[in-house]
Amino acid sequence: MALSEGAEIYWKSFSDGFRPDPILTVSEWADANRYLSQRASAEPGRWLTSRTPYLKEVMDSLSATDATERVVFMKGAQIGGSECGNNALAYWISASPGPTLAIAPSLEMAKRNSRTRIDPMIEECPSLRKLVRDPKARDSGNSMLQKLYPGGVLVLAGANSAASLRSMPARYLFFDELDAAPFDLDGEGSPLDLAEARTRTFSRRKILIVSTPTLANRSPIEREFLGVISVSSWSLAPTAINISGWFLSAEMERR
């Protein structure tokens, strides 16, 4: 090999090392990296967005390259809304790290989600396993409700605990099953309002609010969904897909 050819190969390899990885959407990342655990899924194995194509737009609106800031996902029961949010959490940890807050209706449910969904997701996904240290490891800094990783931390909180919703700034917020959360938290207002206040200092924040609606005209997720439609300066038309007698609705707000 000529010296000039060797130098060319060296410099090409050197410059390739500085080239950033391609930025994937949430659905692309999930298809490439996510595995469903048999502990929490009726269909364990590799995640396939093609199995739930109605979730693709919701997930991709939470990608780093998308201008959407707030997604309200009003849906039927057991159609993948929580896993859609878990895919977003995994993507934020791996591809666009930052402080993240994931809220369940209660602290007990947050602990259960950690055991049955978040921990298995990390264990069975190599790209997450190398970023989030085993909580049993010495000085890992991780626990059932806190997962540290380079560039951020995932905190799991309960909507019934005012203490868990205070103080922590969050670039990313995933609020699951809003309608099961208390309407007012110890006289301090809506848990959703308290949680969203944690994101205000971030210019490129992402907020996902998911729930199955309960009573018409009293459902918090219905109020949020209709509120996005009425106040959004530019919004997508709401999508409605009939699934086993339920209506799936999603509305994205762009600011």
Protein backbone atom coordinates (compact mmCIF):
# COMPACT_ATOMS: atom_id res chain seq x y z
CA MET A 1 0.00 0.00 0.00
CA ALA A 2 1.33 3.41 -0.96
CA LEU A 3 1.96 5.92 1.82
CA SER A 4 -0.57 8.32 0.29
CA GLU A 5 -3.26 5.63 0.33
CA GLY A 6 -2.54 4.85 3.98
CA ALA A 7 -2.78 8.53 4.91
CA GLU A 8 -6.10 8.81 3.07
CA ILE A 9 -7.53 5.82 4.92
CA TYR A 10 -6.29 7.22 8.24
CA TRP A 11 -7.84 10.65 7.72
CA LYS A 12 -11.11 9.17 6.49
CA SER A 13 -11.35 7.01 9.63
CA PHE A 14 -10.38 10.00 11.79
CA SER A 15 -13.04 12.27 10.24
CA ASP A 16 -15.68 9.52 10.38
CA GLY A 17 -15.15 9.38 14.12
CA PHE A 18 -16.33 12.99 14.44
CA ARG A 19 -19.45 12.43 12.34
CA PRO A 20 -22.51 12.35 14.64
CA ASP A 21 -24.77 9.33 14.64
CA PRO A 22 -27.91 9.76 12.53
CA ILE A 23 -30.80 11.06 14.63
CA LEU A 24 -33.62 8.53 14.62
CA THR A 25 -37.27 9.15 15.39
CA VAL A 26 -38.77 7.48 18.45
CA SER A 27 -40.47 4.79 16.34
CA GLU A 28 -37.26 4.10 14.39
CA TRP A 29 -35.27 3.85 17.62
CA ALA A 30 -37.85 1.50 19.15
CA ASP A 31 -37.90 -0.75 16.08
CA ALA A 32 -34.10 -0.98 16.18
CA ASN A 33 -33.55 -1.32 19.93
CA ARG A 34 -36.64 -2.12 21.99
CA TYR A 35 -37.55 -5.56 23.29
CA LEU A 36 -40.77 -6.27 25.18
CA SER A 37 -40.44 -8.33 28.33
CA GLN A 38 -42.66 -11.31 29.00
CA ARG A 39 -43.17 -9.84 32.47
CA ALA A 40 -45.25 -6.98 31.03
CA SER A 41 -46.33 -7.94 27.53
CA ALA A 42 -48.68 -10.47 25.95
CA GLU A 43 -46.36 -10.47 22.91
CA PRO A 44 -42.77 -10.49 24.22
CA GLY A 45 -39.90 -9.94 21.82
CA ARG A 46 -38.76 -7.22 19.46
CA TRP A 47 -40.92 -4.10 19.31
CA LEU A 48 -42.56 -3.60 15.91
CA THR A 49 -44.30 -0.30 15.25
CA SER A 50 -46.06 -2.01 12.34
CA ARG A 51 -48.08 -3.96 14.93
CA THR A 52 -49.49 -0.68 16.30
CA PRO A 53 -49.21 1.80 13.38
CA TYR A 54 -51.60 4.25 15.06
CA LEU A 55 -48.87 4.96 17.67
CA LYS A 56 -46.26 6.04 15.12
CA GLU A 57 -47.33 9.68 14.81
CA VAL A 58 -47.64 10.05 18.57
CA MET A 59 -44.16 8.60 19.17
CA ASP A 60 -42.47 10.50 16.36
CA SER A 61 -43.86 13.81 17.63
CA LEU A 62 -41.70 13.21 20.72
CA SER A 63 -38.49 12.92 18.67
CA ALA A 64 -35.65 15.41 19.01
CA THR A 65 -36.07 16.53 15.40
CA ASP A 66 -39.81 17.26 15.71
CA ALA A 67 -41.04 20.73 16.69
CA THR A 68 -43.97 19.39 18.72
CA GLU A 69 -43.75 20.36 22.37
CA ARG A 70 -46.86 18.87 23.98
CA VAL A 71 -48.79 15.73 23.06
CA VAL A 72 -52.17 14.85 24.57
CA PHE A 73 -53.11 11.24 23.86
CA MET A 74 -56.73 10.33 24.67
CA LYS A 75 -57.18 6.66 23.93
CA GLY A 76 -59.01 3.41 24.52
CA ALA A 77 -57.89 0.86 27.11
CA GLN A 78 -55.01 -1.53 26.46
CA ILE A 79 -53.93 -0.25 23.04
CA GLY A 80 -50.29 0.52 23.85
CA GLY A 81 -50.38 4.04 25.26
CA SER A 82 -48.08 3.25 28.18
CA GLU A 83 -45.60 1.40 25.96
CA CYS A 84 -45.66 4.38 23.60
CA GLY A 85 -44.55 6.50 26.57
CA ASN A 86 -41.94 3.94 27.61
CA ASN A 87 -40.50 4.03 24.08
CA ALA A 88 -40.19 7.80 24.44
CA LEU A 89 -38.45 7.40 27.81
CA ALA A 90 -35.99 4.91 26.32
CA TYR A 91 -35.33 7.18 23.33
CA TRP A 92 -34.71 10.21 25.57
CA ILE A 93 -32.24 8.22 27.68
CA SER A 94 -30.34 6.87 24.69
CA ALA A 95 -30.62 9.41 21.87
CA SER A 96 -31.42 12.78 23.45
CA PRO A 97 -30.58 12.68 27.17
CA GLY A 98 -31.90 15.14 29.70
CA PRO A 99 -33.67 15.21 33.08
CA THR A 100 -36.90 13.22 32.76
CA LEU A 101 -39.96 12.90 34.98
CA ALA A 102 -42.36 9.95 34.57
CA ILE A 103 -45.55 10.17 36.62
CA ALA A 104 -47.98 7.40 37.51
CA PRO A 105 -51.33 8.02 39.28
CA SER A 106 -49.86 6.97 42.63
CA LEU A 107 -46.45 6.38 44.19
CA GLU A 108 -47.28 2.69 44.58
CA MET A 109 -48.05 2.43 40.86
CA ALA A 110 -44.77 4.22 40.08
CA LYS A 111 -42.91 1.56 42.07
CA ARG A 112 -44.82 -1.20 40.31
CA ASN A 113 -44.08 0.33 36.90
CA SER A 114 -40.40 0.44 37.84
CA ARG A 115 -40.38 -3.26 38.73
CA THR A 116 -42.54 -4.57 35.89
CA ARG A 117 -41.89 -2.17 33.00
CA ILE A 118 -38.90 0.16 33.36
CA ASP A 119 -36.38 -2.26 34.89
CA PRO A 120 -37.20 -5.07 32.40
CA MET A 121 -36.99 -2.56 29.53
CA ILE A 122 -33.50 -1.53 30.63
CA GLU A 123 -32.35 -5.11 31.28
CA GLU A 124 -33.49 -6.40 27.88
CA CYS A 125 -32.27 -3.47 25.77
CA PRO A 126 -28.45 -3.48 25.35
CA SER A 127 -28.28 0.20 24.38
CA LEU A 128 -30.01 1.15 27.65
CA ARG A 129 -28.23 -1.41 29.81
CA LYS A 130 -24.86 0.13 29.04
CA LEU A 131 -26.14 3.62 29.98
CA VAL A 132 -28.19 2.94 33.11
CA ARG A 133 -26.11 1.29 35.81
CA ASP A 134 -27.41 -1.67 37.78
CA PRO A 135 -28.90 -0.35 41.04
CA LYS A 136 -27.17 -3.22 42.85
CA ALA A 137 -23.77 -2.00 41.68
CA ARG A 138 -21.67 -0.08 44.16
CA ASP A 139 -22.10 3.71 43.93
CA SER A 140 -24.51 3.34 41.00
CA GLY A 141 -26.72 6.14 42.35
CA ASN A 142 -29.76 4.26 41.05
CA SER A 143 -32.81 3.05 42.92
CA MET A 144 -36.37 1.92 42.24
CA LEU A 145 -37.51 5.50 41.59
CA GLN A 146 -34.32 7.04 40.18
CA LYS A 147 -32.28 5.96 37.14
CA LEU A 148 -29.08 7.91 36.44
CA TYR A 149 -27.54 7.90 32.97
CA PRO A 150 -25.00 10.10 31.12
CA GLY A 151 -26.58 13.50 30.55
CA GLY A 152 -29.64 13.06 32.71
CA VAL A 153 -31.77 11.22 35.23
CA LEU A 154 -35.14 9.48 35.07
CA VAL A 155 -37.27 10.07 38.15
CA LEU A 156 -40.43 8.01 38.67
CA ALA A 157 -43.05 9.80 40.74
CA GLY A 158 -46.62 9.41 41.95
CA ALA A 159 -49.31 11.99 41.21
CA ASN A 160 -50.54 11.58 44.79
CA SER A 161 -47.24 12.79 46.27
CA ALA A 162 -46.67 16.54 46.22
CA ALA A 163 -43.10 16.07 47.42
CA SER A 164 -42.19 13.96 44.39
CA LEU A 165 -43.47 16.66 42.02
CA ARG A 166 -41.50 19.54 43.55
CA SER A 167 -38.02 20.89 42.96
CA MET A 168 -36.80 18.72 40.10
CA PRO A 169 -36.47 20.56 36.75
CA ALA A 170 -37.40 18.29 33.84
CA ARG A 171 -36.88 18.64 30.12
CA TYR A 172 -39.07 15.61 29.47
CA LEU A 173 -42.39 14.74 31.12
CA PHE A 174 -44.48 11.59 30.70
CA PHE A 175 -47.77 11.63 32.66
CA ASP A 176 -49.52 8.26 32.39
CA GLU A 177 -53.22 7.66 33.14
CA LEU A 178 -54.10 11.22 34.03
CA ASP A 179 -57.74 10.36 34.79
CA ALA A 180 -56.66 8.01 37.60
CA ALA A 181 -54.70 10.79 39.33
CA PRO A 182 -56.20 13.01 42.05
CA PHE A 183 -57.92 16.18 40.83
CA ASP A 184 -56.25 18.28 43.52
CA LEU A 185 -53.06 17.50 45.40
CA ASP A 186 -53.09 18.59 49.05
CA GLY A 187 -54.69 21.90 48.11
CA GLU A 188 -51.77 22.76 45.80
CA GLY A 189 -53.70 22.29 42.57
CA SER A 190 -53.66 19.78 39.74
CA PRO A 191 -50.78 17.25 39.72
CA LEU A 192 -50.46 17.90 35.99
CA ASP A 193 -50.03 21.64 36.54
CA LEU A 194 -47.41 21.00 39.22
CA ALA A 195 -45.57 18.58 36.92
CA GLU A 196 -45.66 20.86 33.88
CA ALA A 197 -44.24 23.69 35.99
CA ARG A 198 -41.07 21.56 36.28
CA THR A 199 -40.52 21.88 32.51
CA ARG A 200 -40.93 25.64 32.03
CA THR A 201 -37.24 26.54 31.98
CA PHE A 202 -36.52 24.23 29.02
CA SER A 203 -36.97 25.76 25.57
CA ARG A 204 -37.08 22.37 23.81
CA ARG A 205 -39.15 20.43 26.28
CA LYS A 206 -41.32 17.43 25.46
CA ILE A 207 -44.53 16.60 27.31
CA LEU A 208 -46.63 13.46 26.81
CA ILE A 209 -49.97 13.13 28.60
CA VAL A 210 -51.74 9.79 28.20
CA SER A 211 -55.01 8.45 29.57
CA THR A 212 -58.18 6.55 28.91
CA PRO A 213 -61.09 8.99 29.48
CA THR A 214 -63.58 8.39 32.29
CA LEU A 215 -66.75 10.49 32.67
CA ALA A 216 -67.67 12.80 29.79
CA ASN A 217 -67.33 16.50 30.62
CA ARG A 218 -65.45 15.62 33.82
CA SER A 219 -62.49 13.75 32.39
CA PRO A 220 -59.12 15.52 32.84
CA ILE A 221 -57.70 13.98 29.66
CA GLU A 222 -60.77 15.14 27.71
CA ARG A 223 -60.28 18.65 29.08
CA GLU A 224 -56.62 18.66 28.07
CA PHE A 225 -57.41 17.26 24.64
CA LEU A 226 -60.11 19.83 23.93
CA GLY A 227 -57.94 22.58 25.42
CA VAL A 228 -55.14 21.85 22.96
CA ILE A 229 -57.60 22.09 20.09
CA SER A 230 -58.95 25.45 21.28
CA VAL A 231 -55.71 27.23 22.27
CA SER A 232 -53.21 25.86 19.79
CA SER A 233 -51.96 28.49 17.39
CA TRP A 234 -51.11 25.76 14.89
CA SER A 235 -52.28 22.22 15.38
CA LEU A 236 -52.89 19.02 13.53
CA ALA A 237 -56.47 17.96 13.00
CA PRO A 238 -57.35 15.38 15.64
CA THR A 239 -57.07 11.82 14.43
CA ALA A 240 -59.79 9.32 15.26
CA ILE A 241 -59.47 5.62 14.56
CA ASN A 242 -62.14 3.16 15.65
CA ILE A 243 -60.45 0.27 17.49
CA SER A 244 -62.68 -2.45 18.92
CA GLY A 245 -65.44 0.02 19.63
CA TRP A 246 -63.12 2.62 21.19
CA PHE A 247 -62.01 5.89 19.65
CA LEU A 248 -58.34 6.71 19.69
CA SER A 249 -57.61 10.42 19.68
CA ALA A 250 -54.37 12.32 19.65
CA GLU A 251 -53.69 16.03 19.43
CA MET A 252 -50.29 17.62 19.08
CA GLU A 253 -49.51 21.23 19.93
CA ARG A 254 -46.72 23.10 18.18
CA ARG A 255 -45.50 26.40 19.56
